[in-house]
Amino acid sequence: MSDAGFDPPPPPPDLAPPPGYVGYTSGRDSARTIVTLRNVILLSLVVLAIITAIQLARTPDLIDTSRDLIAGRITVDQYEDDVAPGALSIAGQIPSIACIVLSMIWLYRQIRAHVAAGRRGTWGPGWAIGGWFLPPLVLYIIPLLVLRETWKAADADVPIGDDAWKTSGVHPILWVWWVLYGLAPAVLAVLSFAGGLSVQVGGVGNESTVEAARDFVDHAALTYAQSVVTLLGAAAWAAVVYLWTARHVEFAQRLPAPTA
């Protein structure tokens, strides 16, 4: 008993959430942000696909112009004016860069939400950004593994605290995307290098420009293939972004509501 004649009340219980717990409200907020990022990514992919399709449609004219130069029907200056990158080509870099940056943020926020829910895997949030810049760069092996684990971690059917999510399967579209975005471009790059395909038109003197035009005509099939792979890769990434977002939203909706 105290001097006042009664014991002081006990200290309040520790109301901090247990490690790995994430509240229902915070999970919903994370899902809303990820949905917004998804929408902007999909929009940038649509713009990129439209620009790529226009450039693909222009390729036959570029081939004819290259043949005119080789045959001597036009001058080097006329040729370089016709094939020089236009405003459309330059503008095409904007949605591409936007898609890359936003995709990193999109993936980072998913992994961070999973970690907050107690689902810690091999690849932490930082890998959603750094993994794209580490070897093997062209093949994007690390992003493939990060996306694979992110899909597994968003398994809403596995209760929080149960590590059974690590044995979940992964959607096959991930492998389709990797073939189109990682493997196929690498193969085309090797074929282009082996065939001596010039990466740009022009150079020092008329002879180098004519040789570049000849390479362009001789390897027209590779040019078409690169554009088609770009279009298919954009479609595959759009599918990945859409499906991964939908899975994360379902996961966030099943997170336990905070107790009173």
C-alpha atoms as a PDB file:
ATOM      1  CA  MET A   1       0.000   0.000   0.000  1.00  0.00           C
ATOM      2  CA  SER A   2       1.179   3.522  -0.741  1.00  0.00           C
ATOM      3  CA  ASP A   3       0.896   6.546   1.588  1.00  0.00           C
ATOM      4  CA  ALA A   4      -2.423   7.448  -0.078  1.00  0.00           C
ATOM      5  CA  GLY A   5      -3.848   4.122   0.944  1.00  0.00           C
ATOM      6  CA  PHE A   6      -3.904   2.347  -2.411  1.00  0.00           C
ATOM      7  CA  ASP A   7      -1.436   0.731  -4.772  1.00  0.00           C
ATOM      8  CA  PRO A   8      -0.539   2.561  -7.980  1.00  0.00           C
ATOM      9  CA  PRO A   9      -2.033   1.021 -11.107  1.00  0.00           C
ATOM     10  CA  PRO A  10       0.182  -1.430 -12.968  1.00  0.00           C
ATOM     11  CA  PRO A  11       2.030  -0.115 -16.016  1.00  0.00           C
ATOM     12  CA  PRO A  12       0.091  -0.431 -19.279  1.00  0.00           C
ATOM     13  CA  PRO A  13       0.823  -3.525 -21.324  1.00  0.00           C
ATOM     14  CA  ASP A  14       3.195  -3.256 -24.239  1.00  0.00           C
ATOM     15  CA  LEU A  15       0.884  -2.522 -27.149  1.00  0.00           C
ATOM     16  CA  ALA A  16       3.606  -2.619 -29.777  1.00  0.00           C
ATOM     17  CA  PRO A  17       2.856  -5.138 -32.544  1.00  0.00           C
ATOM     18  CA  PRO A  18       4.921  -8.316 -32.556  1.00  0.00           C
ATOM     19  CA  PRO A  19       7.882  -8.508 -34.941  1.00  0.00           C
ATOM     20  CA  GLY A  20       6.754  -9.061 -38.503  1.00  0.00           C
ATOM     21  CA  TYR A  21       3.218  -7.841 -37.881  1.00  0.00           C
ATOM     22  CA  VAL A  22       1.662  -5.370 -40.306  1.00  0.00           C
ATOM     23  CA  GLY A  23      -1.682  -3.725 -39.701  1.00  0.00           C
ATOM     24  CA  TYR A  24      -4.637  -4.034 -42.050  1.00  0.00           C
ATOM     25  CA  THR A  25      -4.673  -0.294 -42.743  1.00  0.00           C
ATOM     26  CA  SER A  26      -0.975  -0.065 -43.609  1.00  0.00           C
ATOM     27  CA  GLY A  27      -1.335  -3.089 -45.872  1.00  0.00           C
ATOM     28  CA  ARG A  28      -4.210  -1.437 -47.721  1.00  0.00           C
ATOM     29  CA  ASP A  29      -2.184   1.778 -48.113  1.00  0.00           C
ATOM     30  CA  SER A  30       0.704  -0.194 -49.586  1.00  0.00           C
ATOM     31  CA  ALA A  31      -1.628  -1.940 -52.010  1.00  0.00           C
ATOM     32  CA  ARG A  32      -3.119   1.356 -53.195  1.00  0.00           C
ATOM     33  CA  THR A  33       0.335   2.762 -53.934  1.00  0.00           C
ATOM     34  CA  ILE A  34       1.324  -0.362 -55.826  1.00  0.00           C
ATOM     35  CA  VAL A  35      -1.878  -0.236 -57.884  1.00  0.00           C
ATOM     36  CA  THR A  36      -1.144   3.392 -58.801  1.00  0.00           C
ATOM     37  CA  LEU A  37       2.381   2.452 -59.857  1.00  0.00           C
ATOM     38  CA  ARG A  38       0.972  -0.420 -61.910  1.00  0.00           C
ATOM     39  CA  ASN A  39      -1.321   1.915 -63.806  1.00  0.00           C
ATOM     40  CA  VAL A  40       1.475   4.332 -64.707  1.00  0.00           C
ATOM     41  CA  ILE A  41       3.785   1.469 -65.724  1.00  0.00           C
ATOM     42  CA  LEU A  42       1.128   0.019 -68.008  1.00  0.00           C
ATOM     43  CA  LEU A  43       0.554   3.435 -69.573  1.00  0.00           C
ATOM     44  CA  SER A  44       4.273   3.852 -70.264  1.00  0.00           C
ATOM     45  CA  LEU A  45       4.362   0.387 -71.843  1.00  0.00           C
ATOM     46  CA  VAL A  46       1.473   1.268 -74.142  1.00  0.00           C
ATOM     47  CA  VAL A  47       3.276   4.420 -75.302  1.00  0.00           C
ATOM     48  CA  LEU A  48       6.510   2.463 -75.795  1.00  0.00           C
ATOM     49  CA  ALA A  49       4.700  -0.211 -77.804  1.00  0.00           C
ATOM     50  CA  ILE A  50       3.077   2.382 -80.071  1.00  0.00           C
ATOM     51  CA  ILE A  51       6.417   4.067 -80.788  1.00  0.00           C
ATOM     52  CA  THR A  52       8.123   0.717 -81.428  1.00  0.00           C
ATOM     53  CA  ALA A  53       5.334  -0.323 -83.798  1.00  0.00           C
ATOM     54  CA  ILE A  54       5.699   2.927 -85.764  1.00  0.00           C
ATOM     55  CA  GLN A  55       9.450   2.410 -86.004  1.00  0.00           C
ATOM     56  CA  LEU A  56       8.906  -1.166 -87.138  1.00  0.00           C
ATOM     57  CA  ALA A  57       6.548   0.032 -89.873  1.00  0.00           C
ATOM     58  CA  ARG A  58       9.217   2.510 -90.993  1.00  0.00           C
ATOM     59  CA  THR A  59      11.924  -0.142 -91.358  1.00  0.00           C
ATOM     60  CA  PRO A  60      11.099  -1.082 -95.005  1.00  0.00           C
ATOM     61  CA  ASP A  61      11.585   2.562 -96.041  1.00  0.00           C
ATOM     62  CA  LEU A  62      14.929   2.660 -94.250  1.00  0.00           C
ATOM     63  CA  ILE A  63      16.011  -0.484 -96.081  1.00  0.00           C
ATOM     64  CA  ASP A  64      15.052   1.055 -99.445  1.00  0.00           C
ATOM     65  CA  THR A  65      16.954   4.233 -98.562  1.00  0.00           C
ATOM     66  CA  SER A  66      20.013   2.169 -97.647  1.00  0.00           C
ATOM     67  CA  ARG A  67      19.832   0.389-100.983  1.00  0.00           C
ATOM     68  CA  ASP A  68      19.627   3.747-102.766  1.00  0.00           C
ATOM     69  CA  LEU A  69      22.857   4.822-101.067  1.00  0.00           C
ATOM     70  CA  ILE A  70      24.614   1.578-101.930  1.00  0.00           C
ATOM     71  CA  ALA A  71      23.550   1.956-105.572  1.00  0.00           C
ATOM     72  CA  GLY A  72      24.717   5.578-105.646  1.00  0.00           C
ATOM     73  CA  ARG A  73      21.267   7.021-106.246  1.00  0.00           C
ATOM     74  CA  ILE A  74      21.542   9.348-103.242  1.00  0.00           C
ATOM     75  CA  THR A  75      24.416  11.047-101.450  1.00  0.00           C
ATOM     76  CA  VAL A  76      25.700  10.298 -97.984  1.00  0.00           C
ATOM     77  CA  ASP A  77      24.273  13.578 -96.699  1.00  0.00           C
ATOM     78  CA  GLN A  78      20.832  12.722 -98.087  1.00  0.00           C
ATOM     79  CA  TYR A  79      21.037   9.265 -96.575  1.00  0.00           C
ATOM     80  CA  GLU A  80      22.027  10.473 -93.119  1.00  0.00           C
ATOM     81  CA  ASP A  81      19.262  13.072 -93.187  1.00  0.00           C
ATOM     82  CA  ASP A  82      16.709  10.360 -93.973  1.00  0.00           C
ATOM     83  CA  VAL A  83      17.853   7.803 -91.400  1.00  0.00           C
ATOM     84  CA  ALA A  84      18.879  10.161 -88.593  1.00  0.00           C
ATOM     85  CA  PRO A  85      16.975   9.550 -85.345  1.00  0.00           C
ATOM     86  CA  GLY A  86      13.879  11.728 -85.385  1.00  0.00           C
ATOM     87  CA  ALA A  87      11.787  13.191 -82.625  1.00  0.00           C
ATOM     88  CA  LEU A  88       9.811   9.942 -82.392  1.00  0.00           C
ATOM     89  CA  SER A  89      12.945   7.893 -81.668  1.00  0.00           C
ATOM     90  CA  ILE A  90      14.120  10.353 -79.053  1.00  0.00           C
ATOM     91  CA  ALA A  91      10.660  10.525 -77.476  1.00  0.00           C
ATOM     92  CA  GLY A  92      10.656   6.736 -77.301  1.00  0.00           C
ATOM     93  CA  GLN A  93      13.356   6.897 -74.637  1.00  0.00           C
ATOM     94  CA  ILE A  94      11.043   8.738 -72.229  1.00  0.00           C
ATOM     95  CA  PRO A  95       8.473   5.940 -71.645  1.00  0.00           C
ATOM     96  CA  SER A  96      11.270   3.385 -71.579  1.00  0.00           C
ATOM     97  CA  ILE A  97      13.164   5.191 -68.807  1.00  0.00           C
ATOM     98  CA  ALA A  98       9.937   5.919 -66.927  1.00  0.00           C
ATOM     99  CA  CYS A  99       8.949   2.256 -67.072  1.00  0.00           C
ATOM    100  CA  ILE A 100      12.326   1.120 -65.736  1.00  0.00           C
ATOM    101  CA  VAL A 101      12.353   3.549 -62.807  1.00  0.00           C
ATOM    102  CA  LEU A 102       8.714   2.979 -61.850  1.00  0.00           C
ATOM    103  CA  SER A 103       9.099  -0.810 -62.105  1.00  0.00           C
ATOM    104  CA  MET A 104      11.944  -0.691 -59.594  1.00  0.00           C
ATOM    105  CA  ILE A 105       9.843   1.345 -57.167  1.00  0.00           C
ATOM    106  CA  TRP A 106       6.848  -0.948 -57.751  1.00  0.00           C
ATOM    107  CA  LEU A 107       8.870  -4.061 -56.949  1.00  0.00           C
ATOM    108  CA  TYR A 108      10.637  -2.401 -54.003  1.00  0.00           C
ATOM    109  CA  ARG A 109       7.335  -1.510 -52.327  1.00  0.00           C
ATOM    110  CA  GLN A 110       6.009  -5.030 -52.704  1.00  0.00           C
ATOM    111  CA  ILE A 111       9.046  -6.600 -51.103  1.00  0.00           C
ATOM    112  CA  ARG A 112       9.046  -4.031 -48.302  1.00  0.00           C
ATOM    113  CA  ALA A 113       5.387  -4.810 -47.576  1.00  0.00           C
ATOM    114  CA  HIS A 114       6.161  -8.529 -47.469  1.00  0.00           C
ATOM    115  CA  VAL A 115       9.064  -7.978 -45.071  1.00  0.00           C
ATOM    116  CA  ALA A 116       6.833  -5.850 -42.846  1.00  0.00           C
ATOM    117  CA  ALA A 117       4.388  -8.749 -42.750  1.00  0.00           C
ATOM    118  CA  GLY A 118       7.150 -11.071 -41.576  1.00  0.00           C
ATOM    119  CA  ARG A 119       7.861 -12.752 -44.902  1.00  0.00           C
ATOM    120  CA  ARG A 120      11.592 -12.379 -45.199  1.00  0.00           C
ATOM    121  CA  GLY A 121      13.253 -14.199 -48.042  1.00  0.00           C
ATOM    122  CA  THR A 122      16.611 -14.244 -49.751  1.00  0.00           C
ATOM    123  CA  TRP A 123      16.070 -10.993 -51.643  1.00  0.00           C
ATOM    124  CA  GLY A 124      15.404  -7.878 -49.590  1.00  0.00           C
ATOM    125  CA  PRO A 125      13.878  -4.620 -50.888  1.00  0.00           C
ATOM    126  CA  GLY A 126      17.236  -3.253 -52.043  1.00  0.00           C
ATOM    127  CA  TRP A 127      17.534  -6.036 -54.612  1.00  0.00           C
ATOM    128  CA  ALA A 128      14.477  -4.638 -56.401  1.00  0.00           C
ATOM    129  CA  ILE A 129      16.770  -1.825 -57.544  1.00  0.00           C
ATOM    130  CA  GLY A 130      20.342  -3.081 -57.323  1.00  0.00           C
ATOM    131  CA  GLY A 131      19.598  -6.428 -58.932  1.00  0.00           C
ATOM    132  CA  TRP A 132      19.087  -4.809 -62.343  1.00  0.00           C
ATOM    133  CA  PHE A 133      22.634  -3.413 -62.354  1.00  0.00           C
ATOM    134  CA  LEU A 134      24.588  -6.459 -61.209  1.00  0.00           C
ATOM    135  CA  PRO A 135      26.049  -9.221 -63.429  1.00  0.00           C
ATOM    136  CA  PRO A 136      24.954 -10.899 -65.520  1.00  0.00           C
ATOM    137  CA  LEU A 137      23.507  -7.558 -66.629  1.00  0.00           C
ATOM    138  CA  VAL A 138      21.959  -8.507 -69.955  1.00  0.00           C
ATOM    139  CA  LEU A 139      20.328 -11.726 -68.785  1.00  0.00           C
ATOM    140  CA  TYR A 140      18.698 -10.177 -65.677  1.00  0.00           C
ATOM    141  CA  ILE A 141      19.044 -13.319 -63.591  1.00  0.00           C
ATOM    142  CA  ILE A 142      18.758 -11.478 -60.256  1.00  0.00           C
ATOM    143  CA  PRO A 143      15.518  -9.647 -61.207  1.00  0.00           C
ATOM    144  CA  LEU A 144      14.125 -12.996 -62.323  1.00  0.00           C
ATOM    145  CA  LEU A 145      14.864 -14.516 -58.913  1.00  0.00           C
ATOM    146  CA  VAL A 146      13.571 -11.443 -57.072  1.00  0.00           C
ATOM    147  CA  LEU A 147      10.284 -11.509 -58.993  1.00  0.00           C
ATOM    148  CA  ARG A 148       9.998 -15.246 -58.399  1.00  0.00           C
ATOM    149  CA  GLU A 149      10.336 -14.830 -54.634  1.00  0.00           C
ATOM    150  CA  THR A 150       8.019 -11.805 -54.625  1.00  0.00           C
ATOM    151  CA  TRP A 151       5.261 -13.882 -56.213  1.00  0.00           C
ATOM    152  CA  LYS A 152       5.756 -16.595 -53.609  1.00  0.00           C
ATOM    153  CA  ALA A 153       5.770 -14.129 -50.699  1.00  0.00           C
ATOM    154  CA  ALA A 154       2.369 -12.772 -51.768  1.00  0.00           C
ATOM    155  CA  ASP A 155       0.663 -16.143 -51.333  1.00  0.00           C
ATOM    156  CA  ALA A 156      -2.506 -15.086 -49.520  1.00  0.00           C
ATOM    157  CA  ASP A 157      -3.488 -18.694 -48.763  1.00  0.00           C
ATOM    158  CA  VAL A 158      -0.550 -19.181 -46.391  1.00  0.00           C
ATOM    159  CA  PRO A 159      -1.107 -17.690 -42.907  1.00  0.00           C
ATOM    160  CA  ILE A 160       1.248 -14.992 -41.668  1.00  0.00           C
ATOM    161  CA  GLY A 161       4.035 -16.619 -39.688  1.00  0.00           C
ATOM    162  CA  ASP A 162       3.995 -19.800 -41.772  1.00  0.00           C
ATOM    163  CA  ASP A 163       7.003 -20.239 -44.068  1.00  0.00           C
ATOM    164  CA  ALA A 164       5.105 -22.565 -46.401  1.00  0.00           C
ATOM    165  CA  TRP A 165       4.909 -19.670 -48.882  1.00  0.00           C
ATOM    166  CA  LYS A 166       8.503 -20.420 -49.832  1.00  0.00           C
ATOM    167  CA  THR A 167       7.392 -23.643 -51.485  1.00  0.00           C
ATOM    168  CA  SER A 168       4.664 -21.979 -53.567  1.00  0.00           C
ATOM    169  CA  GLY A 169       4.769 -22.159 -57.330  1.00  0.00           C
ATOM    170  CA  VAL A 170       5.268 -19.193 -59.637  1.00  0.00           C
ATOM    171  CA  HIS A 171       3.202 -17.973 -62.577  1.00  0.00           C
ATOM    172  CA  PRO A 172       4.671 -19.210 -65.913  1.00  0.00           C
ATOM    173  CA  ILE A 173       4.428 -15.727 -67.446  1.00  0.00           C
ATOM    174  CA  LEU A 174       7.582 -14.909 -65.478  1.00  0.00           C
ATOM    175  CA  TRP A 175       9.596 -17.310 -67.620  1.00  0.00           C
ATOM    176  CA  VAL A 176       7.981 -15.982 -70.801  1.00  0.00           C
ATOM    177  CA  TRP A 177       9.008 -12.468 -69.804  1.00  0.00           C
ATOM    178  CA  TRP A 178      12.573 -13.543 -69.020  1.00  0.00           C
ATOM    179  CA  VAL A 179      12.979 -15.295 -72.377  1.00  0.00           C
ATOM    180  CA  LEU A 180      11.721 -12.208 -74.225  1.00  0.00           C
ATOM    181  CA  TYR A 181      13.434  -9.565 -72.096  1.00  0.00           C
ATOM    182  CA  GLY A 182      16.623 -11.302 -71.014  1.00  0.00           C
ATOM    183  CA  LEU A 183      17.492 -14.294 -73.178  1.00  0.00           C
ATOM    184  CA  ALA A 184      16.225 -13.296 -76.639  1.00  0.00           C
ATOM    185  CA  PRO A 185      17.845  -9.815 -76.690  1.00  0.00           C
ATOM    186  CA  ALA A 186      21.140 -11.358 -75.581  1.00  0.00           C
ATOM    187  CA  VAL A 187      20.990 -13.889 -78.427  1.00  0.00           C
ATOM    188  CA  LEU A 188      20.153 -11.150 -80.945  1.00  0.00           C
ATOM    189  CA  ALA A 189      23.027  -9.022 -79.645  1.00  0.00           C
ATOM    190  CA  VAL A 190      25.452 -11.924 -80.128  1.00  0.00           C
ATOM    191  CA  LEU A 191      24.142 -12.545 -83.648  1.00  0.00           C
ATOM    192  CA  SER A 192      24.454  -8.862 -84.509  1.00  0.00           C
ATOM    193  CA  PHE A 193      28.016  -8.730 -83.199  1.00  0.00           C
ATOM    194  CA  ALA A 194      28.986 -11.950 -84.971  1.00  0.00           C
ATOM    195  CA  GLY A 195      27.499 -10.659 -88.229  1.00  0.00           C
ATOM    196  CA  GLY A 196      29.239  -7.320 -87.946  1.00  0.00           C
ATOM    197  CA  LEU A 197      26.001  -5.331 -87.847  1.00  0.00           C
ATOM    198  CA  SER A 198      26.697  -1.660 -87.213  1.00  0.00           C
ATOM    199  CA  VAL A 199      24.923  -0.216 -84.216  1.00  0.00           C
ATOM    200  CA  GLN A 200      24.479   3.161 -85.880  1.00  0.00           C
ATOM    201  CA  VAL A 201      24.469   4.676 -89.325  1.00  0.00           C
ATOM    202  CA  GLY A 202      27.195   7.106 -90.269  1.00  0.00           C
ATOM    203  CA  GLY A 203      30.785   7.448 -89.318  1.00  0.00           C
ATOM    204  CA  VAL A 204      33.981   9.015 -90.560  1.00  0.00           C
ATOM    205  CA  GLY A 205      33.924   9.374 -94.325  1.00  0.00           C
ATOM    206  CA  ASN A 206      31.628   8.047 -97.041  1.00  0.00           C
ATOM    207  CA  GLU A 207      33.041   4.544 -97.017  1.00  0.00           C
ATOM    208  CA  SER A 208      32.045   3.825 -93.399  1.00  0.00           C
ATOM    209  CA  THR A 209      28.541   5.174 -94.009  1.00  0.00           C
ATOM    210  CA  VAL A 210      28.062   3.000 -97.088  1.00  0.00           C
ATOM    211  CA  GLU A 211      29.330  -0.026 -95.172  1.00  0.00           C
ATOM    212  CA  ALA A 212      26.890   0.718 -92.363  1.00  0.00           C
ATOM    213  CA  ALA A 213      24.053   0.906 -94.895  1.00  0.00           C
ATOM    214  CA  ARG A 214      25.140  -2.397 -96.430  1.00  0.00           C
ATOM    215  CA  ASP A 215      25.235  -4.040 -93.012  1.00  0.00           C
ATOM    216  CA  PHE A 216      21.755  -2.696 -92.287  1.00  0.00           C
ATOM    217  CA  VAL A 217      20.357  -4.210 -95.498  1.00  0.00           C
ATOM    218  CA  ASP A 218      22.169  -7.523 -95.055  1.00  0.00           C
ATOM    219  CA  HIS A 219      20.886  -7.903 -91.487  1.00  0.00           C
ATOM    220  CA  ALA A 220      17.370  -6.576 -91.972  1.00  0.00           C
ATOM    221  CA  ALA A 221      15.950  -9.754 -90.451  1.00  0.00           C
ATOM    222  CA  LEU A 222      17.736  -8.995 -87.178  1.00  0.00           C
ATOM    223  CA  THR A 223      16.336  -5.480 -87.184  1.00  0.00           C
ATOM    224  CA  TYR A 224      12.815  -6.831 -87.567  1.00  0.00           C
ATOM    225  CA  ALA A 225      13.444  -9.464 -84.904  1.00  0.00           C
ATOM    226  CA  GLN A 226      14.681  -6.879 -82.408  1.00  0.00           C
ATOM    227  CA  SER A 227      11.553  -4.765 -82.856  1.00  0.00           C
ATOM    228  CA  VAL A 228       9.242  -7.762 -82.546  1.00  0.00           C
ATOM    229  CA  VAL A 229      11.032  -8.985 -79.416  1.00  0.00           C
ATOM    230  CA  THR A 230      10.733  -5.496 -77.926  1.00  0.00           C
ATOM    231  CA  LEU A 231       6.972  -5.493 -78.537  1.00  0.00           C
ATOM    232  CA  LEU A 232       6.489  -8.988 -77.126  1.00  0.00           C
ATOM    233  CA  GLY A 233       8.732  -8.220 -74.169  1.00  0.00           C
ATOM    234  CA  ALA A 234       6.679  -5.124 -73.357  1.00  0.00           C
ATOM    235  CA  ALA A 235       3.487  -7.190 -73.498  1.00  0.00           C
ATOM    236  CA  ALA A 236       5.003  -9.850 -71.234  1.00  0.00           C
ATOM    237  CA  TRP A 237       6.164  -7.260 -68.699  1.00  0.00           C
ATOM    238  CA  ALA A 238       2.702  -5.688 -68.707  1.00  0.00           C
ATOM    239  CA  ALA A 239       1.286  -9.104 -67.849  1.00  0.00           C
ATOM    240  CA  VAL A 240       3.830  -9.574 -65.039  1.00  0.00           C
ATOM    241  CA  VAL A 241       3.072  -6.159 -63.554  1.00  0.00           C
ATOM    242  CA  TYR A 242      -0.681  -6.742 -63.739  1.00  0.00           C
ATOM    243  CA  LEU A 243      -0.625 -10.256 -62.259  1.00  0.00           C
ATOM    244  CA  TRP A 244       1.920  -9.506 -59.510  1.00  0.00           C
ATOM    245  CA  THR A 245      -0.078  -6.438 -58.473  1.00  0.00           C
ATOM    246  CA  ALA A 246      -3.345  -8.374 -58.335  1.00  0.00           C
ATOM    247  CA  ARG A 247      -1.695 -11.041 -56.185  1.00  0.00           C
ATOM    248  CA  HIS A 248      -0.237  -8.450 -53.835  1.00  0.00           C
ATOM    249  CA  VAL A 249      -3.607  -6.707 -53.449  1.00  0.00           C
ATOM    250  CA  GLU A 250      -5.227 -10.000 -52.479  1.00  0.00           C
ATOM    251  CA  PHE A 251      -2.400 -10.623 -50.015  1.00  0.00           C
ATOM    252  CA  ALA A 252      -2.801  -7.159 -48.452  1.00  0.00           C
ATOM    253  CA  GLN A 253      -6.554  -7.622 -48.092  1.00  0.00           C
ATOM    254  CA  ARG A 254      -6.053 -10.809 -46.070  1.00  0.00           C
ATOM    255  CA  LEU A 255      -3.604  -9.315 -43.621  1.00  0.00           C
ATOM    256  CA  PRO A 256      -4.947  -9.511 -40.053  1.00  0.00           C
ATOM    257  CA  ALA A 257      -6.747  -6.421 -38.811  1.00  0.00           C
ATOM    258  CA  PRO A 258      -5.114  -4.749 -35.816  1.00  0.00           C
ATOM    259  CA  THR A 259      -6.594  -5.783 -32.496  1.00  0.00           C
ATOM    260  CA  ALA A 260      -8.192  -3.258 -30.189  1.00  0.00           C
END
